[in-house]
N, C-alpha and C. Protein backbone atom coordinates (compact mmCIF):
# COMPACT_ATOMS: atom_id res chain seq x y z
N MET A 1 293.02 255.19 405.76
CA MET A 1 293.65 254.10 405.03
C MET A 1 293.93 252.91 405.95
N LEU A 2 294.43 253.19 407.16
CA LEU A 2 294.74 252.10 408.07
C LEU A 2 293.49 251.37 408.52
N ASN A 3 292.38 252.11 408.66
CA ASN A 3 291.12 251.47 409.04
C ASN A 3 290.66 250.52 407.94
N LYS A 4 290.82 250.94 406.68
CA LYS A 4 290.46 250.10 405.54
C LYS A 4 291.35 248.86 405.48
N LEU A 5 292.64 249.05 405.76
CA LEU A 5 293.58 247.93 405.77
C LEU A 5 293.23 246.96 406.90
N ASP A 6 292.88 247.50 408.07
CA ASP A 6 292.52 246.65 409.20
C ASP A 6 291.28 245.81 408.88
N THR A 7 290.30 246.41 408.24
CA THR A 7 289.08 245.69 407.85
C THR A 7 289.42 244.59 406.84
N PHE A 8 290.27 244.91 405.88
CA PHE A 8 290.68 243.96 404.84
C PHE A 8 291.43 242.78 405.47
N VAL A 9 292.37 243.09 406.35
CA VAL A 9 293.16 242.05 407.00
C VAL A 9 292.29 241.19 407.90
N ASN A 10 291.38 241.82 408.64
CA ASN A 10 290.48 241.06 409.52
C ASN A 10 289.62 240.10 408.73
N PHE A 11 289.08 240.56 407.60
CA PHE A 11 288.26 239.69 406.76
C PHE A 11 289.04 238.46 406.32
N HIS A 12 290.25 238.69 405.79
CA HIS A 12 291.05 237.57 405.30
C HIS A 12 291.55 236.68 406.43
N GLN A 13 291.83 237.26 407.58
CA GLN A 13 292.23 236.45 408.73
C GLN A 13 291.10 235.51 409.13
N GLN A 14 289.90 236.04 409.22
CA GLN A 14 288.76 235.21 409.59
C GLN A 14 288.47 234.17 408.52
N ALA A 15 288.58 234.57 407.25
CA ALA A 15 288.34 233.63 406.15
C ALA A 15 289.35 232.49 406.19
N LEU A 16 290.62 232.81 406.45
CA LEU A 16 291.64 231.77 406.54
C LEU A 16 291.39 230.84 407.72
N ASN A 17 290.95 231.39 408.84
CA ASN A 17 290.65 230.54 410.00
C ASN A 17 289.51 229.57 409.71
N VAL A 18 288.46 230.06 409.08
CA VAL A 18 287.31 229.20 408.77
C VAL A 18 287.70 228.17 407.70
N ARG A 19 288.46 228.60 406.70
CA ARG A 19 288.91 227.67 405.65
C ARG A 19 289.81 226.58 406.22
N GLU A 20 290.66 226.95 407.17
CA GLU A 20 291.55 225.97 407.80
C GLU A 20 290.74 224.94 408.57
N LYS A 21 289.73 225.39 409.29
CA LYS A 21 288.86 224.47 410.03
C LYS A 21 288.12 223.55 409.06
N ARG A 22 287.62 224.12 407.97
CA ARG A 22 286.89 223.31 406.98
C ARG A 22 287.83 222.28 406.35
N GLN A 23 289.07 222.67 406.10
CA GLN A 23 290.04 221.75 405.50
C GLN A 23 290.27 220.55 406.43
N ASN A 24 290.35 220.80 407.73
CA ASN A 24 290.52 219.71 408.69
C ASN A 24 289.31 218.78 408.70
N ILE A 25 288.12 219.36 408.61
CA ILE A 25 286.90 218.55 408.59
C ILE A 25 286.86 217.68 407.34
N LEU A 26 287.19 218.26 406.19
CA LEU A 26 287.19 217.50 404.93
C LEU A 26 288.26 216.41 404.94
N ALA A 27 289.42 216.72 405.51
CA ALA A 27 290.49 215.71 405.62
C ALA A 27 290.05 214.56 406.51
N THR A 28 289.33 214.87 407.58
CA THR A 28 288.81 213.83 408.47
C THR A 28 287.81 212.94 407.73
N ASN A 29 286.97 213.56 406.91
CA ASN A 29 286.03 212.77 406.10
C ASN A 29 286.77 211.81 405.18
N ILE A 30 287.80 212.31 404.51
CA ILE A 30 288.57 211.48 403.57
C ILE A 30 289.28 210.36 404.32
N ALA A 31 289.84 210.68 405.48
CA ALA A 31 290.56 209.67 406.27
C ALA A 31 289.62 208.57 406.76
N ASN A 32 288.36 208.89 406.94
CA ASN A 32 287.39 207.91 407.45
C ASN A 32 286.50 207.34 406.35
N SER A 33 286.97 207.37 405.13
CA SER A 33 286.13 206.90 404.02
C SER A 33 285.81 205.41 404.09
N ASP A 34 286.62 204.64 404.81
CA ASP A 34 286.38 203.19 404.94
C ASP A 34 285.87 202.80 406.32
N THR A 35 285.57 203.78 407.16
CA THR A 35 285.09 203.50 408.51
C THR A 35 283.58 203.23 408.47
N PRO A 36 283.16 202.05 408.91
CA PRO A 36 281.72 201.76 408.90
C PRO A 36 280.93 202.74 409.77
N ASN A 37 279.79 203.16 409.28
CA ASN A 37 278.86 204.06 409.96
C ASN A 37 279.41 205.47 410.21
N TYR A 38 280.52 205.83 409.55
CA TYR A 38 281.04 207.20 409.71
C TYR A 38 280.14 208.14 408.92
N GLN A 39 279.78 209.25 409.55
CA GLN A 39 278.92 210.25 408.92
C GLN A 39 279.77 211.44 408.48
N ALA A 40 279.79 211.70 407.18
CA ALA A 40 280.57 212.82 406.64
C ALA A 40 280.02 214.14 407.18
N ARG A 41 280.92 215.05 407.52
CA ARG A 41 280.54 216.34 408.10
C ARG A 41 281.09 217.47 407.24
N ASP A 42 280.53 218.65 407.41
CA ASP A 42 281.00 219.85 406.74
C ASP A 42 280.44 221.05 407.48
N ILE A 43 280.86 222.24 407.09
CA ILE A 43 280.32 223.47 407.65
C ILE A 43 279.81 224.34 406.51
N ASP A 44 278.91 225.24 406.82
CA ASP A 44 278.47 226.24 405.86
C ASP A 44 279.45 227.40 405.96
N PHE A 45 280.34 227.51 404.97
CA PHE A 45 281.43 228.48 405.04
C PHE A 45 280.92 229.91 405.21
N ASN A 46 279.94 230.31 404.43
CA ASN A 46 279.44 231.69 404.50
C ASN A 46 278.86 232.03 405.86
N THR A 47 278.09 231.12 406.43
CA THR A 47 277.51 231.34 407.75
C THR A 47 278.60 231.48 408.81
N GLU A 48 279.58 230.58 408.76
CA GLU A 48 280.65 230.60 409.76
C GLU A 48 281.55 231.82 409.60
N LEU A 49 281.78 232.25 408.36
CA LEU A 49 282.59 233.45 408.14
C LEU A 49 281.86 234.68 408.65
N ASN A 50 280.59 234.80 408.36
CA ASN A 50 279.81 235.94 408.87
C ASN A 50 279.80 235.96 410.38
N ARG A 51 279.65 234.79 410.99
CA ARG A 51 279.65 234.71 412.45
C ARG A 51 281.00 235.12 413.02
N ALA A 52 282.07 234.69 412.38
CA ALA A 52 283.42 235.03 412.85
C ALA A 52 283.70 236.53 412.70
N ILE A 53 283.29 237.11 411.58
CA ILE A 53 283.52 238.54 411.35
C ILE A 53 282.73 239.38 412.33
N ASN A 54 281.49 238.98 412.58
CA ASN A 54 280.63 239.75 413.48
C ASN A 54 280.81 239.41 414.95
N ASN A 55 281.75 238.49 415.23
CA ASN A 55 282.01 238.05 416.60
C ASN A 55 280.75 237.55 417.28
N GLN A 56 279.90 236.87 416.52
CA GLN A 56 278.67 236.32 417.08
C GLN A 56 278.86 234.83 417.28
N SER A 57 279.42 234.49 418.41
CA SER A 57 279.63 233.09 418.74
C SER A 57 278.42 232.57 419.51
N THR A 58 278.04 231.35 419.19
CA THR A 58 276.94 230.74 419.93
C THR A 58 277.45 230.08 421.20
N HIS A 59 278.76 230.13 421.40
CA HIS A 59 279.37 229.51 422.56
C HIS A 59 279.76 230.58 423.56
N ASN A 60 279.97 230.17 424.79
CA ASN A 60 280.37 231.11 425.83
C ASN A 60 281.81 231.55 425.62
N ASN A 61 282.14 232.71 426.18
CA ASN A 61 283.51 233.19 426.11
C ASN A 61 284.41 232.35 426.99
N ILE A 62 285.66 232.25 426.59
CA ILE A 62 286.65 231.54 427.38
C ILE A 62 287.22 232.51 428.39
N LYS A 63 287.29 232.10 429.62
CA LYS A 63 287.86 232.95 430.65
C LYS A 63 289.19 232.34 431.07
N LEU A 64 290.25 233.14 431.04
CA LEU A 64 291.56 232.65 431.40
C LEU A 64 291.68 232.49 432.91
N ASN A 65 292.40 231.46 433.32
CA ASN A 65 292.62 231.20 434.73
C ASN A 65 293.69 232.16 435.26
N ILE A 66 293.37 232.89 436.32
CA ILE A 66 294.31 233.84 436.90
C ILE A 66 294.89 233.23 438.16
N THR A 67 296.21 233.09 438.17
CA THR A 67 296.89 232.48 439.31
C THR A 67 297.66 233.50 440.14
N SER A 68 297.64 234.75 439.70
CA SER A 68 298.34 235.81 440.42
C SER A 68 297.52 237.09 440.32
N ALA A 69 297.61 237.93 441.35
CA ALA A 69 296.90 239.20 441.32
C ALA A 69 297.46 240.13 440.26
N LYS A 70 298.67 239.85 439.78
CA LYS A 70 299.30 240.70 438.75
C LYS A 70 298.89 240.32 437.33
N HIS A 71 298.18 239.23 437.18
CA HIS A 71 297.72 238.83 435.85
C HIS A 71 296.60 239.75 435.38
N ILE A 72 296.55 239.95 434.08
CA ILE A 72 295.50 240.75 433.47
C ILE A 72 294.37 239.82 433.07
N GLN A 73 293.15 240.18 433.42
CA GLN A 73 292.00 239.35 433.08
C GLN A 73 291.57 239.65 431.65
N ILE A 74 291.52 238.61 430.84
CA ILE A 74 291.16 238.75 429.43
C ILE A 74 290.14 237.67 429.10
N THR A 75 289.15 238.02 428.30
CA THR A 75 288.24 237.01 427.76
C THR A 75 288.32 237.09 426.25
N SER A 76 288.15 235.97 425.60
CA SER A 76 288.17 235.95 424.14
C SER A 76 287.06 235.05 423.66
N ALA A 77 286.56 235.33 422.48
CA ALA A 77 285.48 234.51 421.92
C ALA A 77 286.03 233.17 421.45
N ASP A 78 285.25 232.14 421.62
CA ASP A 78 285.65 230.79 421.22
C ASP A 78 285.10 230.51 419.82
N PHE A 79 285.99 230.52 418.84
CA PHE A 79 285.57 230.22 417.48
C PHE A 79 286.13 228.87 417.02
N THR A 80 286.56 228.05 417.98
CA THR A 80 287.10 226.75 417.59
C THR A 80 285.98 225.76 417.28
N ASN A 81 284.78 226.01 417.78
CA ASN A 81 283.66 225.11 417.53
C ASN A 81 282.70 225.74 416.52
N TYR A 82 282.53 225.05 415.43
CA TYR A 82 281.62 225.52 414.39
C TYR A 82 280.39 224.61 414.39
N ASN A 83 279.35 225.08 413.75
CA ASN A 83 278.14 224.27 413.61
C ASN A 83 278.39 223.23 412.52
N LEU A 84 278.74 222.02 412.94
CA LEU A 84 279.01 220.95 411.98
C LEU A 84 277.70 220.41 411.43
N LEU A 85 277.66 220.28 410.12
CA LEU A 85 276.48 219.75 409.44
C LEU A 85 276.80 218.36 408.91
N TYR A 86 275.79 217.54 408.78
CA TYR A 86 275.98 216.22 408.19
C TYR A 86 275.83 216.32 406.68
N ARG A 87 276.69 215.62 405.98
CA ARG A 87 276.62 215.59 404.53
C ARG A 87 275.62 214.53 404.11
N ILE A 88 274.70 214.88 403.25
CA ILE A 88 273.69 213.94 402.77
C ILE A 88 274.26 213.24 401.53
N PRO A 89 274.37 211.90 401.58
CA PRO A 89 274.99 211.18 400.45
C PRO A 89 274.06 211.10 399.25
N TYR A 90 274.67 211.07 398.07
CA TYR A 90 273.90 210.88 396.84
C TYR A 90 273.50 209.41 396.69
N GLN A 91 274.37 208.53 397.20
CA GLN A 91 274.12 207.11 397.09
C GLN A 91 274.47 206.46 398.42
N SER A 92 273.56 205.69 398.97
CA SER A 92 273.81 205.07 400.27
C SER A 92 274.77 203.89 400.12
N SER A 93 275.51 203.62 401.20
CA SER A 93 276.45 202.50 401.18
C SER A 93 275.95 201.41 402.12
N ALA A 94 276.43 200.20 401.91
CA ALA A 94 275.99 199.05 402.71
C ALA A 94 276.47 199.14 404.16
N ASP A 95 277.62 199.80 404.38
CA ASP A 95 278.17 199.86 405.74
C ASP A 95 277.74 201.11 406.51
N GLY A 96 276.88 201.95 405.93
CA GLY A 96 276.38 203.13 406.61
C GLY A 96 277.30 204.34 406.54
N ASN A 97 278.41 204.23 405.83
CA ASN A 97 279.34 205.35 405.68
C ASN A 97 278.79 206.32 404.63
N THR A 98 278.80 207.62 404.96
CA THR A 98 278.23 208.61 404.03
C THR A 98 279.30 209.40 403.27
N VAL A 99 280.57 209.00 403.38
CA VAL A 99 281.64 209.70 402.67
C VAL A 99 281.63 209.27 401.22
N GLU A 100 281.54 210.24 400.33
CA GLU A 100 281.64 210.00 398.89
C GLU A 100 282.91 210.68 398.42
N MET A 101 283.89 209.88 398.05
CA MET A 101 285.24 210.38 397.80
C MET A 101 285.31 211.45 396.72
N ASP A 102 284.56 211.33 395.66
CA ASP A 102 284.60 212.34 394.60
C ASP A 102 284.15 213.70 395.15
N GLN A 103 283.07 213.69 395.91
CA GLN A 103 282.55 214.93 396.49
C GLN A 103 283.55 215.51 397.50
N GLU A 104 284.16 214.65 398.31
CA GLU A 104 285.11 215.12 399.32
C GLU A 104 286.37 215.69 398.68
N ARG A 105 286.88 215.02 397.67
CA ARG A 105 288.08 215.51 396.97
C ARG A 105 287.81 216.86 396.30
N THR A 106 286.65 216.98 395.68
CA THR A 106 286.29 218.23 395.03
C THR A 106 286.19 219.36 396.04
N ALA A 107 285.51 219.10 397.16
CA ALA A 107 285.39 220.12 398.20
C ALA A 107 286.75 220.46 398.80
N PHE A 108 287.61 219.46 398.98
CA PHE A 108 288.94 219.66 399.53
C PHE A 108 289.77 220.56 398.62
N MET A 109 289.77 220.27 397.32
CA MET A 109 290.55 221.07 396.37
C MET A 109 289.98 222.48 396.24
N ASP A 110 288.66 222.61 396.21
CA ASP A 110 288.03 223.92 396.13
C ASP A 110 288.41 224.77 397.34
N ASN A 111 288.36 224.18 398.50
CA ASN A 111 288.72 224.89 399.72
C ASN A 111 290.20 225.28 399.70
N SER A 112 291.06 224.39 399.20
CA SER A 112 292.50 224.67 399.11
C SER A 112 292.77 225.85 398.19
N ILE A 113 292.09 225.88 397.06
CA ILE A 113 292.29 226.98 396.10
C ILE A 113 291.83 228.30 396.71
N HIS A 114 290.69 228.30 397.39
CA HIS A 114 290.21 229.52 398.03
C HIS A 114 291.15 229.96 399.16
N TYR A 115 291.69 229.01 399.90
CA TYR A 115 292.65 229.33 400.96
C TYR A 115 293.87 230.03 400.37
N GLN A 116 294.40 229.46 399.29
CA GLN A 116 295.58 230.05 398.65
C GLN A 116 295.26 231.42 398.08
N SER A 117 294.08 231.61 397.52
CA SER A 117 293.73 232.92 396.97
C SER A 117 293.61 233.96 398.08
N ASN A 118 293.08 233.58 399.26
CA ASN A 118 293.05 234.50 400.39
C ASN A 118 294.46 234.92 400.78
N LEU A 119 295.39 233.98 400.81
CA LEU A 119 296.78 234.30 401.14
C LEU A 119 297.40 235.22 400.09
N THR A 120 297.10 234.97 398.83
CA THR A 120 297.63 235.80 397.75
C THR A 120 297.10 237.23 397.85
N PHE A 121 295.80 237.39 398.04
CA PHE A 121 295.21 238.73 398.18
C PHE A 121 295.82 239.48 399.35
N LEU A 122 295.98 238.79 400.45
CA LEU A 122 296.55 239.39 401.65
C LEU A 122 298.00 239.81 401.42
N GLY A 123 298.78 238.94 400.79
CA GLY A 123 300.18 239.26 400.49
C GLY A 123 300.31 240.45 399.56
N GLU A 124 299.46 240.51 398.56
CA GLU A 124 299.51 241.64 397.62
C GLU A 124 299.14 242.95 398.30
N GLN A 125 298.18 242.90 399.21
CA GLN A 125 297.80 244.11 399.93
C GLN A 125 298.96 244.62 400.78
N PHE A 126 299.66 243.71 401.44
CA PHE A 126 300.81 244.12 402.24
C PHE A 126 301.93 244.67 401.36
N LYS A 127 302.13 244.09 400.20
CA LYS A 127 303.15 244.62 399.26
C LYS A 127 302.78 246.04 398.85
N ASN A 128 301.50 246.30 398.60
CA ASN A 128 301.06 247.64 398.23
C ASN A 128 301.31 248.63 399.36
N VAL A 129 301.02 248.25 400.58
CA VAL A 129 301.23 249.13 401.74
C VAL A 129 302.71 249.42 401.91
N ILE A 130 303.55 248.40 401.79
CA ILE A 130 304.99 248.60 401.91
C ILE A 130 305.51 249.53 400.81
N SER A 131 305.00 249.34 399.61
CA SER A 131 305.40 250.20 398.48
C SER A 131 305.03 251.66 398.74
N VAL A 132 303.82 251.89 399.25
CA VAL A 132 303.38 253.26 399.54
C VAL A 132 304.23 253.87 400.65
N LEU A 133 304.54 253.09 401.67
CA LEU A 133 305.35 253.60 402.78
C LEU A 133 306.78 253.90 402.35
N GLN A 134 307.33 253.09 401.45
CA GLN A 134 308.69 253.32 400.99
C GLN A 134 308.79 254.54 400.09
N GLN A 135 307.73 254.85 399.36
CA GLN A 135 307.73 256.01 398.46
C GLN A 135 307.49 257.31 399.21
N GLY A 136 307.05 257.19 400.43
CA GLY A 136 306.90 258.39 401.25
C GLY A 136 305.54 258.94 401.21
């Protein structure tokens, strides 16, 4: 049971991390909607989630700086950098900006709803575990 819970929590943890990164990217697009020559960016959520779950980073591992012989050497995968894709506009603009506000708002809200649903699923799973533990 704990192994199944760990897998469930890991999936939602990774999904929340990728959704949070995508939300920041979409917010940056919206904030730069009037910036000349700004190119709208996005990520492929499914690809990035699979990469995060499988720990397949295309980037090198981060190595912590050890300043004492008593420090423990740890390496961790760097998932802060995702493969950013350019958004192809439906209609070109005179200033070279590729942000289309309707598309960005829709993607932003869709991502927000999915983020909240991940949190809800995770919260319900923890409530179920607590209920089982309290009942003995």
